[in-house]
C-alpha atoms as a PDB file:
ATOM      1  CA  UNK A   1      27.602   4.858  41.111  1.00  0.00           C
ATOM      2  CA  UNK A   2      26.089   2.125  43.171  1.00  0.00           C
ATOM      3  CA  UNK A   3      24.347   0.218  40.387  1.00  0.00           C
ATOM      4  CA  UNK A   4      20.891   1.694  40.931  1.00  0.00           C
ATOM      5  CA  UNK A   5      21.048   3.937  37.851  1.00  0.00           C
ATOM      6  CA  UNK A   6      21.327   2.541  34.347  1.00  0.00           C
ATOM      7  CA  UNK A   7      21.551   4.450  31.110  1.00  0.00           C
ATOM      8  CA  UNK A   8      19.709   3.449  27.973  1.00  0.00           C
ATOM      9  CA  UNK A   9      20.524   4.803  24.529  1.00  0.00           C
ATOM     10  CA  UNK A  10      17.043   5.978  23.462  1.00  0.00           C
ATOM     11  CA  UNK A  11      18.051   6.054  19.805  1.00  0.00           C
ATOM     12  CA  UNK A  12      18.758   2.331  19.859  1.00  0.00           C
ATOM     13  CA  UNK A  13      15.294   1.363  21.126  1.00  0.00           C
ATOM     14  CA  UNK A  14      11.920   1.718  19.448  1.00  0.00           C
ATOM     15  CA  UNK A  15       9.437   3.703  21.409  1.00  0.00           C
ATOM     16  CA  UNK A  16       5.917   2.530  22.195  1.00  0.00           C
ATOM     17  CA  UNK A  17       3.512   3.210  19.389  1.00  0.00           C
ATOM     18  CA  UNK A  18       1.737   5.848  21.525  1.00  0.00           C
ATOM     19  CA  UNK A  19       4.923   7.575  22.517  1.00  0.00           C
ATOM     20  CA  UNK A  20       6.106   7.825  18.882  1.00  0.00           C
ATOM     21  CA  UNK A  21       3.220  10.059  17.876  1.00  0.00           C
ATOM     22  CA  UNK A  22       4.503  13.103  16.032  1.00  0.00           C
ATOM     23  CA  UNK A  23       8.052  11.690  15.639  1.00  0.00           C
ATOM     24  CA  UNK A  24       7.596  10.329  12.089  1.00  0.00           C
ATOM     25  CA  UNK A  25       9.049  12.339   9.101  1.00  0.00           C
ATOM     26  CA  UNK A  26       7.038  15.406   8.202  1.00  0.00           C
ATOM     27  CA  UNK A  27       4.368  14.793   5.618  1.00  0.00           C
ATOM     28  CA  UNK A  28       2.890  17.421   3.306  1.00  0.00           C
ATOM     29  CA  UNK A  29      -0.815  18.099   3.886  1.00  0.00           C
ATOM     30  CA  UNK A  30      -2.929  18.980   0.906  1.00  0.00           C
ATOM     31  CA  UNK A  31      -6.568  20.035   0.921  1.00  0.00           C
ATOM     32  CA  UNK A  32      -9.077  17.880  -0.986  1.00  0.00           C
ATOM     33  CA  UNK A  33      -9.781  20.449  -3.676  1.00  0.00           C
ATOM     34  CA  UNK A  34      -6.030  20.926  -4.377  1.00  0.00           C
ATOM     35  CA  UNK A  35      -5.596  17.123  -4.401  1.00  0.00           C
ATOM     36  CA  UNK A  36      -8.305  16.699  -7.018  1.00  0.00           C
ATOM     37  CA  UNK A  37      -6.818  19.488  -9.143  1.00  0.00           C
ATOM     38  CA  UNK A  38      -3.227  18.196  -8.871  1.00  0.00           C
ATOM     39  CA  UNK A  39      -3.712  14.484  -8.564  1.00  0.00           C
ATOM     40  CA  UNK A  40      -1.212  13.526 -11.262  1.00  0.00           C
ATOM     41  CA  UNK A  41       1.540  15.528  -9.598  1.00  0.00           C
ATOM     42  CA  UNK A  42       0.664  14.125  -6.155  1.00  0.00           C
ATOM     43  CA  UNK A  43       0.792  10.594  -7.434  1.00  0.00           C
ATOM     44  CA  UNK A  44       4.192  11.223  -8.973  1.00  0.00           C
ATOM     45  CA  UNK A  45       5.403  12.638  -5.637  1.00  0.00           C
ATOM     46  CA  UNK A  46       4.045   9.584  -3.804  1.00  0.00           C
ATOM     47  CA  UNK A  47       5.662   7.242  -6.359  1.00  0.00           C
ATOM     48  CA  UNK A  48       9.012   8.982  -5.594  1.00  0.00           C
ATOM     49  CA  UNK A  49       8.654   8.014  -1.952  1.00  0.00           C
ATOM     50  CA  UNK A  50       6.806  10.938  -0.350  1.00  0.00           C
ATOM     51  CA  UNK A  51       3.760  10.504   1.891  1.00  0.00           C
ATOM     52  CA  UNK A  52       1.023  13.117   1.457  1.00  0.00           C
ATOM     53  CA  UNK A  53      -1.953  13.694   3.749  1.00  0.00           C
ATOM     54  CA  UNK A  54      -5.200  14.716   2.113  1.00  0.00           C
ATOM     55  CA  UNK A  55      -7.483  16.854   4.362  1.00  0.00           C
ATOM     56  CA  UNK A  56     -10.871  18.401   4.100  1.00  0.00           C
ATOM     57  CA  UNK A  57     -11.499  21.601   6.147  1.00  0.00           C
ATOM     58  CA  UNK A  58      -8.242  20.914   7.947  1.00  0.00           C
ATOM     59  CA  UNK A  59      -9.271  17.433   9.042  1.00  0.00           C
ATOM     60  CA  UNK A  60      -7.043  14.628   7.665  1.00  0.00           C
ATOM     61  CA  UNK A  61      -9.013  12.118   5.612  1.00  0.00           C
ATOM     62  CA  UNK A  62      -6.493   9.993   3.670  1.00  0.00           C
ATOM     63  CA  UNK A  63      -2.798   9.266   3.165  1.00  0.00           C
ATOM     64  CA  UNK A  64      -1.267   8.966  -0.270  1.00  0.00           C
ATOM     65  CA  UNK A  65       1.743   6.649   0.010  1.00  0.00           C
ATOM     66  CA  UNK A  66       4.038   4.840  -2.365  1.00  0.00           C
ATOM     67  CA  UNK A  67       3.341   1.239  -3.145  1.00  0.00           C
ATOM     68  CA  UNK A  68       5.540  -1.236  -1.320  1.00  0.00           C
ATOM     69  CA  UNK A  69       8.245  -2.612  -3.542  1.00  0.00           C
ATOM     70  CA  UNK A  70       8.756  -6.389  -3.832  1.00  0.00           C
ATOM     71  CA  UNK A  71      11.949  -7.338  -2.020  1.00  0.00           C
ATOM     72  CA  UNK A  72      12.372 -10.769  -3.526  1.00  0.00           C
ATOM     73  CA  UNK A  73      11.503 -11.894  -7.082  1.00  0.00           C
ATOM     74  CA  UNK A  74       8.191 -13.667  -7.538  1.00  0.00           C
ATOM     75  CA  UNK A  75       8.777 -17.419  -7.886  1.00  0.00           C
ATOM     76  CA  UNK A  76       7.785 -18.701 -11.281  1.00  0.00           C
ATOM     77  CA  UNK A  77       5.989 -22.006 -11.675  1.00  0.00           C
ATOM     78  CA  UNK A  78       4.503 -22.000  -8.193  1.00  0.00           C
ATOM     79  CA  UNK A  79       1.526 -24.086  -9.403  1.00  0.00           C
ATOM     80  CA  UNK A  80       3.339 -26.202 -11.890  1.00  0.00           C
ATOM     81  CA  UNK A  81       1.701 -29.631 -12.161  1.00  0.00           C
ATOM     82  CA  UNK A  82      -1.228 -28.610  -9.898  1.00  0.00           C
ATOM     83  CA  UNK A  83      -3.371 -26.998 -12.565  1.00  0.00           C
ATOM     84  CA  UNK A  84      -4.375 -28.422 -15.939  1.00  0.00           C
ATOM     85  CA  UNK A  85      -6.179 -26.936 -18.852  1.00  0.00           C
ATOM     86  CA  UNK A  86      -8.618 -29.239 -20.546  1.00  0.00           C
ATOM     87  CA  UNK A  87      -8.399 -29.913 -24.275  1.00  0.00           C
ATOM     88  CA  UNK A  88     -11.759 -28.179 -24.798  1.00  0.00           C
ATOM     89  CA  UNK A  89     -10.642 -24.893 -23.255  1.00  0.00           C
ATOM     90  CA  UNK A  90     -10.922 -22.919 -26.480  1.00  0.00           C
ATOM     91  CA  UNK A  91     -14.117 -24.616 -27.702  1.00  0.00           C
ATOM     92  CA  UNK A  92     -17.293 -22.455 -27.964  1.00  0.00           C
ATOM     93  CA  UNK A  93     -19.487 -22.342 -24.862  1.00  0.00           C
ATOM     94  CA  UNK A  94     -22.404 -24.787 -24.776  1.00  0.00           C
ATOM     95  CA  UNK A  95     -25.777 -23.350 -25.779  1.00  0.00           C
ATOM     96  CA  UNK A  96     -27.242 -23.502 -22.264  1.00  0.00           C
ATOM     97  CA  UNK A  97     -24.306 -21.361 -20.933  1.00  0.00           C
ATOM     98  CA  UNK A  98     -24.892 -18.756 -23.643  1.00  0.00           C
ATOM     99  CA  UNK A  99     -28.573 -18.647 -22.812  1.00  0.00           C
ATOM    100  CA  UNK A 100     -27.798 -18.161 -19.109  1.00  0.00           C
ATOM    101  CA  UNK A 101     -25.693 -15.073 -20.030  1.00  0.00           C
ATOM    102  CA  UNK A 102     -28.433 -13.700 -22.220  1.00  0.00           C
ATOM    103  CA  UNK A 103     -26.646 -14.227 -25.549  1.00  0.00           C
END
């Protein structure tokens, strides 16, 4: 070859967002009535990692997906020394505050 042709491994590159349409893993589609009737089971499936499309009259309305899992532990004591609790924190509220809340 004279160098005018180059080959690209398509599996190693990410396609453009518009060219990837329809290439994601298959998702189960459930109609709205069945979703209302079987919500607990659908939530369990989503929690296990499945993505479920909820449709009404064949038109997709929503996607039920698992919550993202935290990849790093939450740091403890992030606001240590920045927040103080006053000594009167547990005291009863002043009378004018109680009146403002209708008590």
